[in-house]
Protein backbone atom coordinates (compact mmCIF):
# COMPACT_ATOMS: atom_id res chain seq x y z
CA MET A 1 95.41 66.68 -89.90
CA LYS A 2 92.11 67.65 -88.33
CA LEU A 3 90.10 66.05 -91.13
CA ASN A 4 92.18 62.94 -90.98
CA TRP A 5 91.76 62.72 -87.21
CA LYS A 6 88.01 62.94 -87.48
CA GLN A 7 87.85 60.41 -90.24
CA TRP A 8 90.05 58.08 -88.20
CA LEU A 9 87.91 58.57 -85.05
CA ARG A 10 84.74 57.96 -87.02
CA SER A 11 86.19 54.77 -88.50
CA LYS A 12 87.40 53.71 -85.09
CA GLN A 13 83.92 54.25 -83.57
CA ASN A 14 82.33 52.28 -86.40
CA HIS A 15 84.77 49.46 -85.85
CA MET A 16 84.05 49.35 -82.12
CA LEU A 17 80.36 49.45 -82.79
CA VAL A 18 80.71 46.45 -85.09
CA LYS A 19 82.60 44.65 -82.40
CA LEU A 20 79.92 45.41 -79.85
CA VAL A 21 77.13 44.15 -82.16
CA VAL A 22 79.13 40.96 -82.89
CA ALA A 23 79.72 40.44 -79.10
CA ILE A 24 75.99 40.88 -78.33
CA LEU A 25 75.06 38.38 -81.12
CA LEU A 26 77.61 35.84 -79.84
CA MET A 27 76.36 36.17 -76.25
CA GLY A 28 72.71 35.83 -77.40
CA LEU A 29 73.59 32.67 -79.40
CA ALA A 30 75.47 31.19 -76.38
CA PHE A 31 72.56 31.99 -74.03
CA ARG A 32 70.08 30.43 -76.49
CA LEU A 33 72.17 27.27 -76.75
CA VAL A 34 72.47 26.96 -72.95
CA PHE A 35 68.82 27.58 -72.34
CA PHE A 36 67.78 25.16 -75.18
CA ARG A 37 70.02 22.49 -73.75
CA SER A 38 68.64 22.92 -70.16
CA THR A 39 65.05 22.69 -71.31
CA ARG A 40 65.75 19.54 -73.28
CA LEU A 41 67.28 17.87 -70.25
CA SER A 42 64.63 18.56 -67.62
CA PRO A 43 62.02 16.01 -68.79
CA VAL A 44 64.71 13.29 -68.57
CA LEU A 45 65.45 14.30 -64.98
CA GLU A 46 61.72 14.14 -64.13
CA GLN A 47 61.32 10.70 -65.59
CA THR A 48 64.19 9.23 -63.61
CA PRO A 49 63.76 10.27 -59.95
CA PHE A 50 65.96 8.83 -57.26
CA ALA A 51 64.42 5.61 -56.14
CA GLU A 52 62.89 5.71 -52.69
CA LYS A 53 64.13 2.98 -50.39
CA THR A 54 61.26 0.94 -48.99
CA VAL A 55 61.24 -1.65 -46.26
CA VAL A 56 59.52 -5.00 -46.38
CA PRO A 57 58.97 -7.12 -43.32
CA GLU A 58 61.66 -9.59 -42.48
CA GLU A 59 60.54 -13.19 -42.72
CA THR A 60 60.21 -14.64 -39.27
CA PRO A 61 61.54 -18.19 -39.21
CA PHE A 62 59.24 -20.80 -37.77
CA ALA A 63 59.59 -20.77 -34.01
CA GLU A 64 62.06 -23.40 -32.76
CA LYS A 65 60.49 -23.39 -29.29
CA ASN A 66 56.95 -24.72 -29.65
CA VAL A 67 56.43 -25.32 -25.96
CA LEU A 68 54.49 -22.57 -24.21
CA PRO A 69 53.45 -22.47 -20.58
CA GLU A 70 50.64 -24.85 -20.07
CA GLU A 71 47.94 -22.84 -18.45
CA THR A 72 44.19 -22.40 -18.90
CA PRO A 73 43.68 -20.19 -21.91
CA SER A 74 41.59 -17.08 -21.37
CA SER A 75 38.07 -17.49 -22.77
CA GLU A 76 36.69 -14.98 -25.26
CA LYS A 77 33.51 -13.39 -24.04
CA THR A 78 30.73 -13.37 -26.60
CA VAL A 79 27.63 -11.27 -26.17
CA LEU A 80 24.38 -10.87 -28.13
CA PRO A 81 24.68 -7.77 -30.31
CA GLU A 82 22.17 -4.99 -29.68
CA GLU A 83 20.14 -4.38 -32.76
CA ASN A 84 19.78 -0.63 -32.48
CA PRO A 85 22.23 0.80 -29.93
CA ILE A 86 21.59 4.52 -29.19
CA ALA A 87 24.80 6.39 -28.78
CA GLU A 88 25.02 9.36 -26.47
CA LYS A 89 27.96 11.06 -28.23
CA THR A 90 26.75 12.17 -31.60
CA LEU A 91 29.75 13.87 -33.23
CA LEU A 92 33.47 13.32 -33.44
CA PRO A 93 35.58 16.12 -32.16
CA LYS A 94 36.21 18.68 -34.95
CA SER A 95 39.66 19.84 -33.83
CA PRO A 96 41.50 16.85 -32.31
CA VAL A 97 44.94 17.14 -30.93
CA VAL A 98 46.85 14.81 -33.24
CA PRO A 99 50.07 13.41 -31.86
CA THR A 100 53.37 14.02 -33.70
CA PRO A 101 53.52 11.93 -36.88
CA VAL A 102 55.36 8.66 -36.54
CA SER A 103 58.77 8.71 -38.08
CA VAL A 104 60.31 5.36 -38.76
CA PRO A 105 63.89 5.23 -40.09
CA VAL A 106 64.33 3.37 -43.36
CA GLN A 107 67.01 0.69 -43.21
CA GLU A 108 69.76 0.97 -45.75
CA SER A 109 70.31 -2.72 -46.24
CA GLY A 110 69.90 -3.78 -49.90
CA ASP A 111 68.12 -6.88 -48.73
CA GLN A 112 65.37 -4.74 -47.41
CA VAL A 113 64.54 -2.99 -50.69
CA PRO A 114 61.78 -4.74 -52.66
CA PRO A 115 62.02 -5.12 -56.49
CA ARG A 116 61.08 -1.93 -58.37
CA GLY A 117 57.41 -1.72 -58.86
CA LYS A 118 56.41 -4.08 -56.02
CA CYS A 119 53.66 -2.85 -53.74
CA ASP A 120 53.66 -4.12 -50.15
CA LEU A 121 50.47 -2.95 -48.64
CA PHE A 122 51.25 -4.29 -45.17
CA THR A 123 54.57 -2.43 -44.50
CA GLY A 124 54.26 1.20 -43.70
CA ASP A 125 53.40 3.79 -41.03
CA TRP A 126 50.35 5.11 -39.28
CA ILE A 127 50.10 8.83 -40.16
CA PRO A 128 47.83 11.55 -38.86
CA ASN A 129 44.46 11.80 -40.51
CA PRO A 130 42.80 15.10 -39.39
CA SER A 131 39.60 14.37 -41.21
CA GLY A 132 38.93 11.36 -39.06
CA PRO A 133 36.62 8.38 -39.86
CA ILE A 134 33.81 8.61 -42.34
CA TYR A 135 31.17 7.41 -39.79
CA THR A 136 30.50 8.02 -36.10
CA ASN A 137 29.08 5.77 -33.44
CA GLN A 138 25.81 7.80 -33.85
CA SER A 139 25.55 7.37 -37.63
CA CYS A 140 26.08 3.60 -37.53
CA SER A 141 23.66 1.23 -35.86
CA PHE A 142 25.77 -1.90 -36.45
CA ILE A 143 28.28 -1.29 -33.63
CA GLU A 144 28.15 -3.82 -30.85
CA SER A 145 27.94 -2.21 -27.44
CA HIS A 146 31.30 -3.72 -26.36
CA GLN A 147 33.01 -1.91 -29.25
CA ASN A 148 31.23 1.41 -28.91
CA CYS A 149 34.05 3.11 -27.09
CA MET A 150 32.69 6.65 -27.49
CA ASN A 151 29.30 5.74 -26.07
CA ASN A 152 30.93 3.88 -23.21
CA GLY A 153 32.68 6.99 -22.08
CA ARG A 154 36.30 6.65 -23.31
CA PRO A 155 37.69 10.18 -22.63
CA ASP A 156 40.43 10.37 -25.31
CA THR A 157 39.71 10.63 -29.03
CA GLY A 158 43.23 10.78 -30.65
CA TYR A 159 42.94 7.07 -31.66
CA LEU A 160 40.31 8.13 -34.25
CA TYR A 161 42.63 10.34 -36.30
CA TRP A 162 45.23 8.05 -37.91
CA ARG A 163 45.33 6.18 -41.15
CA TRP A 164 47.53 3.39 -42.53
CA ASN A 165 50.09 4.56 -45.18
CA PRO A 166 51.97 1.73 -46.96
CA ARG A 167 55.59 2.70 -47.45
CA ASP A 168 55.89 1.23 -50.97
CA CYS A 169 52.69 2.52 -52.64
CA ASP A 170 49.64 4.71 -52.44
CA LEU A 171 46.57 3.40 -50.56
CA PRO A 172 43.37 5.32 -51.45
CA PRO A 173 40.85 5.62 -48.71
CA PHE A 174 37.93 3.24 -48.77
CA ASP A 175 35.29 4.43 -51.25
CA PRO A 176 31.92 3.00 -50.12
CA GLN A 177 30.03 4.15 -53.23
CA ARG A 178 32.54 2.55 -55.57
CA PHE A 179 32.76 -0.62 -53.49
CA LEU A 180 29.00 -1.08 -53.64
CA GLU A 181 29.01 -0.55 -57.40
CA ILE A 182 31.79 -3.17 -57.86
CA MET A 183 29.88 -5.54 -55.61
CA ARG A 184 26.61 -5.24 -57.41
CA ASN A 185 24.87 -8.74 -57.38
CA LYS A 186 27.68 -10.22 -55.37
CA ARG A 187 27.87 -12.07 -52.06
CA TRP A 188 30.45 -11.66 -49.36
CA ALA A 189 31.14 -13.66 -46.17
CA LEU A 190 33.59 -13.12 -43.35
CA ILE A 191 34.16 -16.49 -41.70
CA GLY A 192 35.76 -16.93 -38.27
CA ASP A 193 35.38 -15.71 -34.71
CA SER A 194 34.47 -12.45 -32.99
CA ILE A 195 37.25 -10.49 -34.74
CA SER A 196 35.53 -11.32 -38.04
CA ARG A 197 32.30 -10.01 -36.52
CA ASN A 198 34.20 -6.89 -35.46
CA HIS A 199 35.45 -6.53 -39.06
CA VAL A 200 32.07 -6.97 -40.69
CA GLN A 201 30.56 -4.31 -38.39
CA SER A 202 33.27 -1.98 -39.44
CA LEU A 203 32.58 -2.64 -43.18
CA LEU A 204 28.88 -2.24 -42.65
CA CYS A 205 29.40 1.10 -40.86
CA MET A 206 31.42 2.45 -43.79
CA LEU A 207 28.93 1.22 -46.42
CA SER A 208 25.98 2.63 -44.41
CA THR A 209 27.19 6.09 -45.39
CA VAL A 210 25.83 5.30 -48.89
CA GLU A 211 22.93 2.94 -48.05
CA GLN A 212 21.56 1.21 -44.92
CA ALA A 213 21.75 -2.51 -45.11
CA VAL A 214 18.71 -4.62 -44.16
CA GLN A 215 19.28 -7.68 -41.93
CA VAL A 216 17.99 -10.71 -43.70
CA TYR A 217 19.22 -13.51 -41.56
CA HIS A 218 20.56 -14.47 -38.08
CA ASP A 219 21.05 -17.85 -36.41
CA GLU A 220 19.53 -18.70 -33.03
CA ASP A 221 22.34 -17.09 -31.09
CA TYR A 222 22.77 -14.06 -33.34
CA ARG A 223 26.40 -15.08 -34.05
CA SER A 224 25.93 -15.69 -37.78
CA LYS A 225 24.12 -12.84 -39.51
CA GLY A 226 23.46 -11.53 -42.99
CA TRP A 227 22.64 -8.15 -44.43
CA HIS A 228 21.36 -6.97 -47.84
CA PHE A 229 21.88 -3.74 -49.75
CA PRO A 230 18.77 -3.60 -51.89
CA SER A 231 19.83 -0.97 -54.46
CA TYR A 232 22.89 -3.06 -55.28
CA ASN A 233 21.55 -6.54 -54.70
CA PHE A 234 24.71 -7.06 -52.53
CA THR A 235 24.73 -9.36 -49.58
CA ILE A 236 27.35 -9.51 -46.79
CA SER A 237 27.40 -12.07 -44.03
CA VAL A 238 29.38 -13.03 -40.93
CA LEU A 239 29.55 -16.81 -40.33
CA TRP A 240 30.52 -17.82 -36.82
CA SER A 241 33.07 -20.63 -37.13
CA PRO A 242 35.87 -19.89 -34.66
CA PHE A 243 37.83 -23.07 -35.46
CA LEU A 244 36.77 -23.34 -39.15
CA VAL A 245 36.62 -27.13 -38.56
CA LYS A 246 33.86 -29.04 -36.80
CA ALA A 247 33.72 -28.23 -33.14
CA ASP A 248 31.37 -29.05 -30.29
CA ILE A 249 31.61 -26.08 -27.94
CA PHE A 250 30.26 -26.08 -24.40
CA GLU A 251 30.60 -22.43 -23.52
CA ASP A 252 28.14 -19.78 -22.47
CA PHE A 253 28.14 -16.11 -23.47
CA ASN A 254 30.36 -15.19 -20.54
CA GLY A 255 33.04 -17.55 -21.73
CA VAL A 256 32.40 -20.08 -18.98
CA SER A 257 32.88 -23.69 -20.25
CA THR A 258 31.40 -26.81 -18.77
CA SER A 259 33.66 -29.12 -20.74
CA GLU A 260 36.53 -29.19 -23.22
CA VAL A 261 35.85 -28.39 -26.87
CA GLU A 262 35.47 -31.49 -28.95
CA LEU A 263 37.54 -30.60 -32.03
CA HIS A 264 37.55 -32.62 -35.30
CA LEU A 265 40.66 -31.64 -37.06
CA ASP A 266 39.87 -33.43 -40.38
CA GLU A 267 36.20 -32.40 -40.67
CA LEU A 268 35.38 -28.88 -41.86
CA ASP A 269 32.53 -26.82 -40.41
CA LYS A 270 29.42 -27.20 -42.57
CA LYS A 271 28.23 -23.73 -41.59
CA TRP A 272 30.58 -22.40 -44.26
CA THR A 273 31.20 -25.42 -46.53
CA ASP A 274 27.46 -25.61 -47.37
CA LEU A 275 27.52 -22.06 -48.63
CA TYR A 276 30.99 -21.97 -50.06
CA GLN A 277 30.19 -22.29 -53.79
CA ASN A 278 27.46 -19.66 -53.55
CA LEU A 279 29.79 -16.95 -52.21
CA ASP A 280 31.74 -14.63 -54.48
CA TYR A 281 34.18 -13.21 -51.87
CA MET A 282 35.31 -14.72 -48.53
CA ILE A 283 37.68 -13.72 -45.72
CA PHE A 284 38.71 -16.71 -43.52
CA SER A 285 40.45 -16.31 -40.17
CA THR A 286 40.90 -18.03 -36.89
CA GLY A 287 43.62 -18.38 -34.19
CA LYS A 288 43.03 -17.65 -30.58
CA TRP A 289 40.24 -20.25 -29.99
CA PHE A 290 42.87 -23.05 -30.52
CA LEU A 291 44.24 -22.02 -27.18
CA LYS A 292 41.10 -23.26 -25.38
CA SER A 293 40.96 -26.70 -23.62
CA SER A 294 40.20 -29.17 -26.41
CA VAL A 295 39.98 -32.80 -27.12
CA TYR A 296 41.29 -33.68 -30.63
CA HIS A 297 39.56 -36.10 -32.98
CA GLU A 298 40.87 -37.56 -36.32
CA ASN A 299 39.06 -40.20 -38.29
CA ASN A 300 36.39 -40.16 -35.55
CA THR A 301 38.97 -41.27 -33.03
CA VAL A 302 40.31 -39.33 -30.01
CA VAL A 303 44.05 -38.76 -30.57
CA GLY A 304 44.92 -36.36 -27.73
CA CYS A 305 44.09 -32.99 -26.31
CA HIS A 306 45.28 -29.59 -25.26
CA TYR A 307 45.12 -28.87 -21.60
CA CYS A 308 42.81 -31.58 -20.30
CA PRO A 309 44.22 -32.44 -16.96
CA LYS A 310 41.00 -34.25 -15.89
CA ARG A 311 41.28 -36.76 -18.73
CA ASN A 312 43.71 -39.49 -19.27
CA LEU A 313 44.71 -38.31 -22.78
CA THR A 314 47.97 -37.51 -24.49
CA GLN A 315 48.80 -33.85 -24.22
CA LEU A 316 49.47 -32.74 -27.80
CA GLY A 317 49.00 -29.01 -27.48
CA PHE A 318 47.57 -26.48 -29.97
CA VAL A 319 50.80 -26.64 -31.94
CA PHE A 320 49.66 -30.07 -33.07
CA ALA A 321 46.08 -29.12 -33.84
CA TYR A 322 46.41 -25.67 -35.46
CA PRO A 323 48.50 -26.70 -38.49
CA LYS A 324 46.29 -29.69 -39.10
CA ALA A 325 43.14 -27.68 -38.97
CA LEU A 326 44.49 -25.01 -41.29
CA ARG A 327 45.74 -27.57 -43.69
CA SER A 328 42.30 -29.08 -43.96
CA VAL A 329 40.74 -25.68 -44.60
CA LEU A 330 43.33 -24.42 -47.06
CA ASN A 331 43.56 -27.73 -49.00
CA PHE A 332 39.70 -27.60 -49.44
CA ILE A 333 39.92 -24.04 -50.80
CA ALA A 334 43.01 -24.70 -53.06
CA THR A 335 41.33 -27.69 -54.72
CA SER A 336 37.87 -26.27 -54.97
CA ASN A 337 38.03 -24.57 -58.39
CA HIS A 338 36.11 -21.62 -56.77
CA LYS A 339 35.85 -18.77 -59.25
CA GLY A 340 35.56 -15.90 -56.82
CA MET A 341 38.22 -14.27 -54.58
CA ILE A 342 39.22 -15.77 -51.21
CA PHE A 343 41.35 -14.09 -48.51
CA PHE A 344 43.09 -15.83 -45.67
CA ARG A 345 43.58 -13.38 -42.84
CA THR A 346 46.39 -13.82 -40.26
CA SER A 347 45.46 -13.72 -36.62
CA THR A 348 45.15 -10.42 -34.73
CA PRO A 349 47.59 -9.45 -32.00
CA ASP A 350 46.35 -8.36 -28.57
CA HIS A 351 47.91 -5.70 -26.48
CA PHE A 352 47.38 -6.82 -22.89
CA GLU A 353 49.97 -5.49 -20.48
CA ASN A 354 50.62 -6.62 -16.93
CA GLY A 355 48.29 -9.62 -17.37
CA GLU A 356 45.95 -11.21 -19.83
CA TRP A 357 42.15 -11.21 -20.40
CA SER A 358 41.35 -13.08 -17.21
CA SER A 359 44.23 -11.92 -15.12
CA GLY A 360 43.88 -8.09 -14.97
CA GLY A 361 45.65 -7.18 -18.20
CA ILE A 362 45.32 -3.58 -19.37
CA CYS A 363 46.03 -1.59 -22.60
CA PRO A 364 46.57 2.06 -21.39
CA LYS A 365 48.21 3.58 -24.55
CA THR A 366 46.45 6.35 -26.31
CA ALA A 367 48.55 6.71 -29.48
CA PRO A 368 50.24 4.40 -32.13
CA VAL A 369 53.76 3.22 -31.45
CA LYS A 370 56.68 3.18 -33.82
CA GLU A 371 57.94 0.21 -35.61
CA GLY A 372 60.57 -1.47 -33.49
CA GLU A 373 59.11 -0.19 -30.22
CA ILE A 374 56.83 -3.25 -29.90
CA GLU A 375 57.11 -6.94 -30.78
CA LEU A 376 54.66 -9.70 -31.29
CA LYS A 377 54.30 -11.74 -28.19
CA ASP A 378 55.72 -15.22 -28.53
CA LEU A 379 52.30 -16.73 -28.65
CA ASN A 380 51.04 -14.42 -31.38
CA LYS A 381 54.32 -15.00 -33.25
CA LEU A 382 53.88 -18.74 -33.16
CA LEU A 383 50.29 -18.56 -34.40
CA ARG A 384 51.35 -16.27 -37.28
CA ASN A 385 54.24 -18.56 -38.22
CA ILE A 386 51.91 -21.55 -38.50
CA GLU A 387 49.44 -19.52 -40.61
CA LEU A 388 52.11 -18.26 -43.00
CA GLU A 389 53.66 -21.67 -43.39
CA GLU A 390 50.33 -23.40 -44.12
CA PHE A 391 49.36 -20.62 -46.55
CA GLU A 392 52.61 -20.99 -48.46
CA LYS A 393 51.96 -24.67 -48.78
CA ALA A 394 48.51 -24.22 -50.15
CA ALA A 395 49.11 -21.24 -52.51
CA PRO A 396 50.87 -23.09 -55.37
CA GLU A 397 47.97 -25.62 -55.54
CA ALA A 398 45.44 -22.91 -55.53
CA SER A 399 47.28 -21.14 -58.37
CA ARG A 400 47.34 -24.32 -60.42
CA ASN A 401 43.60 -24.74 -60.00
CA GLY A 402 42.82 -21.15 -60.81
CA VAL A 403 41.61 -20.38 -57.32
CA LYS A 404 42.27 -16.69 -56.37
CA LEU A 405 43.61 -17.33 -52.85
CA LYS A 406 45.17 -14.21 -51.38
CA LEU A 407 46.98 -13.53 -48.04
CA PHE A 408 45.52 -10.69 -46.06
CA ASP A 409 48.17 -9.96 -43.42
CA PRO A 410 47.30 -7.07 -41.15
CA THR A 411 49.01 -8.58 -38.08
CA LEU A 412 52.12 -6.30 -38.01
CA LEU A 413 50.28 -3.09 -38.84
CA SER A 414 47.67 -3.86 -36.21
CA LEU A 415 50.52 -4.42 -33.71
CA LEU A 416 51.35 -0.78 -33.93
CA ARG A 417 47.97 0.29 -32.69
CA PRO A 418 47.81 -0.64 -28.99
CA ASP A 419 45.63 2.40 -28.52
CA GLY A 420 42.70 1.15 -30.58
CA HIS A 421 41.02 -1.27 -28.11
CA PRO A 422 38.05 -0.63 -25.85
CA GLY A 423 40.18 -1.44 -22.78
CA SER A 424 38.05 -0.67 -19.75
CA TYR A 425 35.45 1.00 -21.95
CA ARG A 426 33.96 -2.25 -23.14
CA GLU A 427 31.16 -1.54 -20.65
CA PHE A 428 29.03 1.61 -20.30
CA HIS A 429 30.79 4.22 -18.23
CA PRO A 430 32.64 1.70 -16.03
CA PHE A 431 33.98 4.28 -13.51
CA ALA A 432 30.81 6.29 -13.13
CA GLN A 433 30.14 4.97 -9.65
CA ASP A 434 33.68 4.13 -8.48
CA LYS A 435 36.77 5.56 -9.99
CA ASN A 436 38.81 2.64 -8.65
CA ALA A 437 36.41 -0.03 -9.82
CA LYS A 438 37.96 -3.26 -11.05
CA VAL A 439 36.52 -3.96 -14.51
CA GLN A 440 37.14 -6.45 -17.32
CA THR A 441 39.35 -4.95 -20.02
CA ASP A 442 39.30 -5.72 -23.70
CA CYS A 443 42.68 -5.38 -25.40
CA LEU A 444 41.83 -7.70 -28.30
CA HIS A 445 38.79 -6.32 -30.21
CA TRP A 446 38.75 -2.90 -31.72
CA CYS A 447 36.83 0.32 -31.01
CA LEU A 448 34.46 1.35 -33.78
CA PRO A 449 35.32 3.68 -35.31
CA GLY A 450 38.93 2.68 -34.96
CA PRO A 451 41.99 1.15 -36.51
CA ILE A 452 40.16 -1.82 -37.94
CA ASP A 453 38.48 0.54 -40.40
CA SER A 454 41.81 0.72 -42.29
CA TRP A 455 41.51 -2.99 -43.04
CA ASN A 456 38.72 -2.03 -45.42
CA ASP A 457 41.14 0.32 -47.31
CA LEU A 458 43.42 -2.71 -47.87
CA ILE A 459 40.66 -5.07 -48.83
CA MET A 460 39.33 -2.71 -51.45
CA GLU A 461 42.79 -2.03 -52.87
CA MET A 462 43.36 -5.86 -53.20
CA VAL A 463 39.98 -6.38 -54.84
CA VAL A 464 40.33 -3.46 -57.26
CA ASN A 465 44.01 -3.63 -58.13
CA GLY A 466 45.01 -7.11 -57.04
């Protein structure tokens, strides 16, 4: 019995050992299958992320009410640029206090979601940019004194530390070295009013971090100017043509007019048409100048005016003239067979509060605002609607003729930057003698450095990637 018990126990232990081994093998096999399956599934999950919902701007219907208060439009002051302004402030603050990032809720409406793969550069948010601009008012000699906010004593610096971030796609920062390489042996021109001049100064400042441009041309009034980058044989110009059509202007540098503008709606300004075919890239823009008192001509005949109370003429208003002038310009471009790239820029919003340019308006904000917290003024909305409508009419004809006509629409993203203007600091230390001094404020043009620098990020992306 003792021997049999030991034999039975030994056989029982062997049987249990076999069971344990089999169980371990089965568990290992199951674990291997589970692990193998999970590793095979993970690449699939990585390739199919949840689609991010993005927002595109809603189309603004053409304004039904075309009648605006008939009042004397404010004149835009134009000054001779200083050739070599010397800035007092040499460095940007290294540790700025950056406001809380802007958070804009994404609407859930399916109508707001663009087709997969679409990139809308002009819908997005201003986000903190701790590194700040790539140039300073000291490193760039192209800044006009009225835009040199740091040198003029603007006390806050937070407006320098933001960048535009499209909601649909990545926007690389402007690369001046690469831009100059791409533009080797090319010619650029920005054609329009003082905002075009403001923009070209921004572009020159960014490019000057690689090479200093040499001024090679200026007109008698220093309004049209040209610069050359010798190492790249690249030329960039600003052509003063505030109406884009032929205009006889009787206004001094302080914006004081002795007579109405004589505006020929069906004749283009030869300042740019004579150079048109020799230019590789152009940015056209206009807008606010059409609010000035003007007499309108068509076929060499006076047909009416905008705010001309001293003349016995039909009051047609700028809503009559602006579409006609843009149509003349865009039709010329669309049928020109030009082989370069042409941008039409929508007009820039101003941020005057409690008045306008000539009636004590101010722009006191020191940070960007969120989408939905600010709206285009009726006047700016009306101008933009006209611009978009005329562009949409011309675009198909341009496409048929192989003309690369592109819409550059920074209006709404610029609307979110009421903090980016010189304001009271368009003049040198305006409150040095009297803290309560009444000074002219500028809530239309942009500080340099400032928000307008982001326009160059957009332009480069459109040039490089279409």
